[in-house]
C-alpha cells in the first residue's frame, strides 16, 4: 500500500482465495492446478484479476476452459494466461510460440521467460535451467505480440532461494528489455 505496487500470490486450494483477497491485488493459479474447477471459480468469486499459468501438459485451446470457469463467477472479467512451455520428454520444456496468439483469443497472454527454461527431473534431484536463453525467449514472445513478460531476476542467481537455475542476472535485465522494446516498435505491436 505504501508504495502503490500491485501484489500477486499463488493460491493452491479454493478456500485460500477469500482468505488472501483483502491483502493482494491479483491472484495466481499455479500451472499444475490450472484445471481445478473449484479453485478457478473461487478465484473468480473474489473479483480480483487472476493470472492462470498454463500447465505444461495442457494445450493452448484447453485454457479457454480456465477463463470460462473464472468468468462464470460473474465478478471477474480480467483474466490473464501465462505460457510456461510444454513438457517434452522427461527433462525439458519447449515453447511453441504459436500458443501465444492461440491463447490470446481467450485472454491477454503473459510469457514466463524464465520458468519455460526449466529443466525438471534432473538426475541430481534439483531442477536445472538455461538462463542464457532468457533474452531469446523475450524477443520471440514480443515478436508474436505477447501482452506481458514475466522475468525472474536476482543480483546473484546462485544465491536465490528458489528457481536459481533459471533466474536472470539482474544487471542483464535492462539490455534485454531495451532490445524487446525495439522489436516491439519494429513489429508495430
C-alpha atoms as a PDB file:
ATOM      1  CA  UNK A   1       0.000   0.000   0.000  1.00  0.00           C
ATOM      2  CA  UNK A   2       2.771   2.429   0.915  1.00  0.00           C
ATOM      3  CA  UNK A   3       4.472   2.050  -2.471  1.00  0.00           C
ATOM      4  CA  UNK A   4       1.329   1.679  -4.565  1.00  0.00           C
ATOM      5  CA  UNK A   5       2.526  -1.580  -6.091  1.00  0.00           C
ATOM      6  CA  UNK A   6       0.269  -4.414  -7.173  1.00  0.00           C
ATOM      7  CA  UNK A   7       0.769  -7.678  -5.258  1.00  0.00           C
ATOM      8  CA  UNK A   8       0.139 -11.133  -6.687  1.00  0.00           C
ATOM      9  CA  UNK A   9       0.239 -14.504  -4.941  1.00  0.00           C
ATOM     10  CA  UNK A  10      -0.448 -18.116  -5.783  1.00  0.00           C
ATOM     11  CA  UNK A  11      -3.402 -19.891  -4.247  1.00  0.00           C
ATOM     12  CA  UNK A  12      -3.496 -23.672  -4.079  1.00  0.00           C
ATOM     13  CA  UNK A  13      -6.884 -24.514  -2.594  1.00  0.00           C
ATOM     14  CA  UNK A  14     -10.276 -22.919  -3.148  1.00  0.00           C
ATOM     15  CA  UNK A  15     -10.665 -21.699   0.469  1.00  0.00           C
ATOM     16  CA  UNK A  16      -7.441 -19.665   0.127  1.00  0.00           C
ATOM     17  CA  UNK A  17      -8.959 -17.290  -2.432  1.00  0.00           C
ATOM     18  CA  UNK A  18     -11.199 -15.473   0.044  1.00  0.00           C
ATOM     19  CA  UNK A  19      -8.516 -15.587   2.761  1.00  0.00           C
ATOM     20  CA  UNK A  20      -5.941 -13.617   0.765  1.00  0.00           C
ATOM     21  CA  UNK A  21      -8.235 -11.416  -1.351  1.00  0.00           C
ATOM     22  CA  UNK A  22      -8.053  -8.492   1.105  1.00  0.00           C
ATOM     23  CA  UNK A  23      -4.252  -8.484   1.060  1.00  0.00           C
ATOM     24  CA  UNK A  24      -3.361  -8.709  -2.650  1.00  0.00           C
ATOM     25  CA  UNK A  25      -4.380  -7.062  -5.905  1.00  0.00           C
ATOM     26  CA  UNK A  26      -4.166 -10.200  -8.098  1.00  0.00           C
ATOM     27  CA  UNK A  27      -4.436 -13.956  -7.650  1.00  0.00           C
ATOM     28  CA  UNK A  28      -2.367 -16.522  -9.477  1.00  0.00           C
ATOM     29  CA  UNK A  29      -3.217 -20.133 -10.255  1.00  0.00           C
ATOM     30  CA  UNK A  30      -0.192 -22.483 -10.402  1.00  0.00           C
ATOM     31  CA  UNK A  31       0.364 -24.428 -13.609  1.00  0.00           C
ATOM     32  CA  UNK A  32      -0.349 -27.826 -12.103  1.00  0.00           C
ATOM     33  CA  UNK A  33      -3.715 -26.555 -10.820  1.00  0.00           C
ATOM     34  CA  UNK A  34      -4.949 -24.772 -13.963  1.00  0.00           C
ATOM     35  CA  UNK A  35      -7.764 -27.296 -14.492  1.00  0.00           C
ATOM     36  CA  UNK A  36      -9.158 -27.298 -10.925  1.00  0.00           C
ATOM     37  CA  UNK A  37     -12.712 -26.024 -11.295  1.00  0.00           C
ATOM     38  CA  UNK A  38     -13.331 -25.209  -7.609  1.00  0.00           C
ATOM     39  CA  UNK A  39     -10.083 -23.231  -7.394  1.00  0.00           C
ATOM     40  CA  UNK A  40     -10.745 -21.264 -10.589  1.00  0.00           C
ATOM     41  CA  UNK A  41     -14.327 -20.398  -9.631  1.00  0.00           C
ATOM     42  CA  UNK A  42     -13.235 -19.368  -6.102  1.00  0.00           C
ATOM     43  CA  UNK A  43     -10.599 -17.071  -7.613  1.00  0.00           C
ATOM     44  CA  UNK A  44     -13.240 -15.543  -9.875  1.00  0.00           C
ATOM     45  CA  UNK A  45     -15.586 -15.002  -6.935  1.00  0.00           C
ATOM     46  CA  UNK A  46     -13.083 -12.621  -5.311  1.00  0.00           C
ATOM     47  CA  UNK A  47     -13.455 -10.127  -8.151  1.00  0.00           C
ATOM     48  CA  UNK A  48      -9.651  -9.797  -8.369  1.00  0.00           C
ATOM     49  CA  UNK A  49      -7.719 -10.168 -11.614  1.00  0.00           C
ATOM     50  CA  UNK A  50      -6.463 -13.730 -11.998  1.00  0.00           C
ATOM     51  CA  UNK A  51      -3.303 -14.930 -13.744  1.00  0.00           C
ATOM     52  CA  UNK A  52      -3.514 -18.597 -14.731  1.00  0.00           C
ATOM     53  CA  UNK A  53      -0.269 -20.372 -15.520  1.00  0.00           C
ATOM     54  CA  UNK A  54      -0.776 -22.840 -18.368  1.00  0.00           C
ATOM     55  CA  UNK A  55       0.061 -26.335 -17.280  1.00  0.00           C
ATOM     56  CA  UNK A  56       2.951 -27.890 -19.168  1.00  0.00           C
ATOM     57  CA  UNK A  57       0.566 -30.699 -20.072  1.00  0.00           C
ATOM     58  CA  UNK A  58      -2.276 -28.534 -21.440  1.00  0.00           C
ATOM     59  CA  UNK A  59      -2.890 -27.331 -25.000  1.00  0.00           C
ATOM     60  CA  UNK A  60      -3.408 -23.616 -25.629  1.00  0.00           C
ATOM     61  CA  UNK A  61      -7.030 -24.262 -26.601  1.00  0.00           C
ATOM     62  CA  UNK A  62      -7.752 -26.019 -23.294  1.00  0.00           C
ATOM     63  CA  UNK A  63      -7.013 -22.764 -21.466  1.00  0.00           C
ATOM     64  CA  UNK A  64     -10.307 -21.318 -22.687  1.00  0.00           C
ATOM     65  CA  UNK A  65     -11.964 -23.509 -20.049  1.00  0.00           C
ATOM     66  CA  UNK A  66      -9.928 -21.904 -17.251  1.00  0.00           C
ATOM     67  CA  UNK A  67     -11.041 -18.468 -18.455  1.00  0.00           C
ATOM     68  CA  UNK A  68     -14.680 -19.584 -18.675  1.00  0.00           C
ATOM     69  CA  UNK A  69     -14.624 -21.069 -15.163  1.00  0.00           C
ATOM     70  CA  UNK A  70     -13.194 -17.878 -13.635  1.00  0.00           C
ATOM     71  CA  UNK A  71     -15.674 -15.705 -15.501  1.00  0.00           C
ATOM     72  CA  UNK A  72     -18.582 -17.989 -14.530  1.00  0.00           C
ATOM     73  CA  UNK A  73     -18.497 -16.409 -11.049  1.00  0.00           C
ATOM     74  CA  UNK A  74     -19.816 -13.249 -12.695  1.00  0.00           C
ATOM     75  CA  UNK A  75     -17.497 -10.968 -10.735  1.00  0.00           C
ATOM     76  CA  UNK A  76     -14.276 -11.009 -12.714  1.00  0.00           C
ATOM     77  CA  UNK A  77     -13.697 -10.402 -16.360  1.00  0.00           C
ATOM     78  CA  UNK A  78      -9.956  -9.721 -16.019  1.00  0.00           C
ATOM     79  CA  UNK A  79      -8.095 -12.971 -16.633  1.00  0.00           C
ATOM     80  CA  UNK A  80      -4.537 -13.433 -17.881  1.00  0.00           C
ATOM     81  CA  UNK A  81      -2.999 -16.623 -19.242  1.00  0.00           C
ATOM     82  CA  UNK A  82       0.670 -17.344 -18.652  1.00  0.00           C
ATOM     83  CA  UNK A  83       2.690 -19.526 -21.034  1.00  0.00           C
ATOM     84  CA  UNK A  84       5.446 -21.581 -19.391  1.00  0.00           C
ATOM     85  CA  UNK A  85       6.283 -24.141 -22.055  1.00  0.00           C
ATOM     86  CA  UNK A  86       5.188 -27.703 -22.699  1.00  0.00           C
ATOM     87  CA  UNK A  87       6.701 -30.888 -21.359  1.00  0.00           C
ATOM     88  CA  UNK A  88       8.948 -32.580 -23.883  1.00  0.00           C
ATOM     89  CA  UNK A  89      10.397 -35.874 -22.808  1.00  0.00           C
ATOM     90  CA  UNK A  90      11.350 -36.114 -19.177  1.00  0.00           C
ATOM     91  CA  UNK A  91      13.697 -33.213 -18.598  1.00  0.00           C
ATOM     92  CA  UNK A  92      12.940 -30.364 -20.946  1.00  0.00           C
ATOM     93  CA  UNK A  93      10.266 -27.794 -21.694  1.00  0.00           C
ATOM     94  CA  UNK A  94       9.597 -26.499 -25.196  1.00  0.00           C
ATOM     95  CA  UNK A  95       7.844 -23.236 -26.048  1.00  0.00           C
ATOM     96  CA  UNK A  96       5.538 -23.351 -29.035  1.00  0.00           C
ATOM     97  CA  UNK A  97       5.283 -19.679 -29.936  1.00  0.00           C
ATOM     98  CA  UNK A  98       2.095 -20.326 -31.906  1.00  0.00           C
ATOM     99  CA  UNK A  99       0.494 -20.948 -28.494  1.00  0.00           C
ATOM    100  CA  UNK A 100       0.715 -17.261 -27.580  1.00  0.00           C
ATOM    101  CA  UNK A 101      -1.631 -15.891 -30.262  1.00  0.00           C
ATOM    102  CA  UNK A 102      -3.797 -19.012 -29.974  1.00  0.00           C
ATOM    103  CA  UNK A 103      -4.377 -18.359 -26.241  1.00  0.00           C
ATOM    104  CA  UNK A 104      -4.735 -14.631 -26.825  1.00  0.00           C
ATOM    105  CA  UNK A 105      -8.161 -15.222 -28.363  1.00  0.00           C
ATOM    106  CA  UNK A 106      -9.357 -16.109 -24.822  1.00  0.00           C
ATOM    107  CA  UNK A 107      -7.441 -13.612 -22.656  1.00  0.00           C
ATOM    108  CA  UNK A 108      -4.310 -11.449 -22.583  1.00  0.00           C
ATOM    109  CA  UNK A 109      -1.150 -13.584 -22.513  1.00  0.00           C
ATOM    110  CA  UNK A 110       1.909 -13.237 -20.308  1.00  0.00           C
ATOM    111  CA  UNK A 111       5.089 -15.071 -21.331  1.00  0.00           C
ATOM    112  CA  UNK A 112       7.064 -16.550 -18.450  1.00  0.00           C
ATOM    113  CA  UNK A 113      10.525 -16.189 -19.953  1.00  0.00           C
ATOM    114  CA  UNK A 114      12.328 -17.850 -17.053  1.00  0.00           C
ATOM    115  CA  UNK A 115      10.242 -20.834 -15.960  1.00  0.00           C
ATOM    116  CA  UNK A 116       9.904 -22.011 -19.566  1.00  0.00           C
ATOM    117  CA  UNK A 117      13.660 -22.632 -19.455  1.00  0.00           C
ATOM    118  CA  UNK A 118      13.489 -25.017 -16.510  1.00  0.00           C
ATOM    119  CA  UNK A 119      14.848 -28.497 -16.946  1.00  0.00           C
ATOM    120  CA  UNK A 120      12.872 -30.596 -14.451  1.00  0.00           C
ATOM    121  CA  UNK A 121      13.694 -34.102 -13.293  1.00  0.00           C
ATOM    122  CA  UNK A 122      17.463 -33.782 -13.405  1.00  0.00           C
ATOM    123  CA  UNK A 123      19.354 -36.862 -12.240  1.00  0.00           C
ATOM    124  CA  UNK A 124      20.835 -34.927  -9.305  1.00  0.00           C
ATOM    125  CA  UNK A 125      17.326 -34.192  -7.948  1.00  0.00           C
ATOM    126  CA  UNK A 126      17.335 -30.417  -8.485  1.00  0.00           C
ATOM    127  CA  UNK A 127      15.579 -28.631 -11.337  1.00  0.00           C
ATOM    128  CA  UNK A 128      18.069 -27.232 -13.823  1.00  0.00           C
ATOM    129  CA  UNK A 129      17.693 -24.487 -16.353  1.00  0.00           C
ATOM    130  CA  UNK A 130      19.158 -22.489 -19.185  1.00  0.00           C
ATOM    131  CA  UNK A 131      19.113 -18.773 -18.253  1.00  0.00           C
ATOM    132  CA  UNK A 132      21.359 -17.886 -21.220  1.00  0.00           C
ATOM    133  CA  UNK A 133      18.253 -18.245 -23.392  1.00  0.00           C
ATOM    134  CA  UNK A 134      16.043 -15.762 -21.477  1.00  0.00           C
ATOM    135  CA  UNK A 135      16.748 -12.898 -23.886  1.00  0.00           C
ATOM    136  CA  UNK A 136      15.803 -15.061 -26.850  1.00  0.00           C
ATOM    137  CA  UNK A 137      12.528 -16.063 -25.192  1.00  0.00           C
ATOM    138  CA  UNK A 138      11.752 -12.400 -24.511  1.00  0.00           C
ATOM    139  CA  UNK A 139      12.498 -11.413 -28.118  1.00  0.00           C
ATOM    140  CA  UNK A 140      10.383 -14.193 -29.614  1.00  0.00           C
ATOM    141  CA  UNK A 141       7.455 -13.513 -27.267  1.00  0.00           C
ATOM    142  CA  UNK A 142       7.482  -9.792 -28.044  1.00  0.00           C
ATOM    143  CA  UNK A 143       7.727 -10.505 -31.772  1.00  0.00           C
ATOM    144  CA  UNK A 144       4.487 -12.528 -31.722  1.00  0.00           C
ATOM    145  CA  UNK A 145       2.638  -9.873 -29.717  1.00  0.00           C
ATOM    146  CA  UNK A 146       2.573 -11.089 -26.139  1.00  0.00           C
ATOM    147  CA  UNK A 147       0.766  -8.795 -23.685  1.00  0.00           C
ATOM    148  CA  UNK A 148       3.310  -9.019 -20.885  1.00  0.00           C
ATOM    149  CA  UNK A 149       6.550 -10.597 -19.724  1.00  0.00           C
ATOM    150  CA  UNK A 150       7.414 -12.450 -16.536  1.00  0.00           C
ATOM    151  CA  UNK A 151      11.165 -12.493 -15.888  1.00  0.00           C
ATOM    152  CA  UNK A 152      12.596 -13.670 -12.588  1.00  0.00           C
ATOM    153  CA  UNK A 153      15.782 -11.770 -11.726  1.00  0.00           C
ATOM    154  CA  UNK A 154      18.297 -11.781  -8.888  1.00  0.00           C
ATOM    155  CA  UNK A 155      21.565  -9.910  -8.256  1.00  0.00           C
ATOM    156  CA  UNK A 156      23.256 -13.282  -7.724  1.00  0.00           C
ATOM    157  CA  UNK A 157      21.063 -16.130  -9.066  1.00  0.00           C
ATOM    158  CA  UNK A 158      23.148 -18.874  -7.446  1.00  0.00           C
ATOM    159  CA  UNK A 159      22.100 -17.452  -4.055  1.00  0.00           C
ATOM    160  CA  UNK A 160      18.380 -17.202  -4.905  1.00  0.00           C
ATOM    161  CA  UNK A 161      16.055 -19.021  -2.519  1.00  0.00           C
ATOM    162  CA  UNK A 162      14.209 -20.736  -5.367  1.00  0.00           C
ATOM    163  CA  UNK A 163      14.474 -21.200  -9.118  1.00  0.00           C
ATOM    164  CA  UNK A 164      18.150 -20.231  -9.071  1.00  0.00           C
ATOM    165  CA  UNK A 165      18.852 -22.264 -12.218  1.00  0.00           C
ATOM    166  CA  UNK A 166      16.553 -20.124 -14.353  1.00  0.00           C
ATOM    167  CA  UNK A 167      16.896 -16.626 -12.926  1.00  0.00           C
ATOM    168  CA  UNK A 168      18.326 -13.783 -14.960  1.00  0.00           C
ATOM    169  CA  UNK A 169      21.317 -11.926 -13.580  1.00  0.00           C
ATOM    170  CA  UNK A 170      19.761  -8.581 -12.609  1.00  0.00           C
ATOM    171  CA  UNK A 171      22.346  -6.442 -14.417  1.00  0.00           C
ATOM    172  CA  UNK A 172      21.336  -8.074 -17.732  1.00  0.00           C
ATOM    173  CA  UNK A 173      17.669  -7.079 -17.498  1.00  0.00           C
ATOM    174  CA  UNK A 174      17.942  -3.538 -18.845  1.00  0.00           C
ATOM    175  CA  UNK A 175      19.640  -4.574 -22.101  1.00  0.00           C
ATOM    176  CA  UNK A 176      17.121  -7.364 -22.684  1.00  0.00           C
ATOM    177  CA  UNK A 177      14.180  -5.018 -22.156  1.00  0.00           C
ATOM    178  CA  UNK A 178      15.686  -2.320 -24.382  1.00  0.00           C
ATOM    179  CA  UNK A 179      16.028  -4.851 -27.206  1.00  0.00           C
ATOM    180  CA  UNK A 180      12.475  -6.082 -26.602  1.00  0.00           C
ATOM    181  CA  UNK A 181      11.140  -2.532 -26.950  1.00  0.00           C
ATOM    182  CA  UNK A 182      12.967  -2.131 -30.269  1.00  0.00           C
ATOM    183  CA  UNK A 183      11.462  -5.400 -31.511  1.00  0.00           C
ATOM    184  CA  UNK A 184       8.010  -4.319 -30.359  1.00  0.00           C
ATOM    185  CA  UNK A 185       8.362  -0.980 -32.145  1.00  0.00           C
ATOM    186  CA  UNK A 186       9.671  -2.621 -35.333  1.00  0.00           C
ATOM    187  CA  UNK A 187       6.769  -5.069 -35.315  1.00  0.00           C
ATOM    188  CA  UNK A 188       4.306  -2.216 -34.632  1.00  0.00           C
ATOM    189  CA  UNK A 189       2.578  -4.314 -31.979  1.00  0.00           C
END
